[in-house]
Amino acid sequence: MNIVLFGPPAAGKGTQAKRLVSERGLIQLSTGDMLRAARASGTELGTKVAGIMDRGDLVSDEIVIALIEEQLDANKTAAGFIFDGFPRTVAQAEALDTALTQRGMGVNNVIRLCVDDSALVNRITKRFAEEGRKDDNPESFKTRLANYNKQTAPLLPYYSAQGKLTEIDGMADMDTVSKSVADVLNANGHGQAPKKASFWSRLFGRA
């Protein structure tokens, strides 16, 4: 079972991914973690990644896919994978589909944690005032949230057209969100949940 988990910063996506790792034996593939691990590995690919990062350049889609393919091939007996932070564009989604298809796999479920942006900003503003964490700076967070929404928007109709997208309430409490995720993965015996049409489904005329 392979899952793409969408959720903006501070939506609790990381928490849900960790629960899936613990409860279902899935492997979380975070692009940030993979790049850091590659840099420290000393492999040929890792050396290439280190050079790119040291120059401050963006790591290409080809390299990120190569890192993902390494993990797919190194964990052939895994129960499945959670893709975190990738894909971010339709081109990346197509590349991921190709890499999985070549290995007799595919993306089974795309779960989007739907959140209210204003409520999320208020949550972060309150946390910043109470804890003073630098990554919670409200203005920086607003920029990150806007960038996430802009990047993710084209992917929603892409996966909706494949019948793989399910949207759940990401503003609910942690346990309720976990139950909603579990319902998606358990329904019909193959991880697809019966669901009402999302905004993107209605927009593009698909159920």
Foldseek 3Di string as FASTA:
>chain_A
DEEEEADAPPLCRVVLQVVCCVPPVAAEDELVVLLVCLCPVPDPLNVVSVVCVVVVHDDDLVSSLVSVLVVCVVPVPTPYYYYHPPDQAVVRQVSQQVSQVVVVHGHQAYEYADEDPVVSLVVLVVCCVVPVDPVSPSVVSVVRRVVSCVRCVVVVLVVVVVVHYDYDHSVDDPVVVSVVCVQQQPPPNHNHHDDDDDPSCVVVVHD
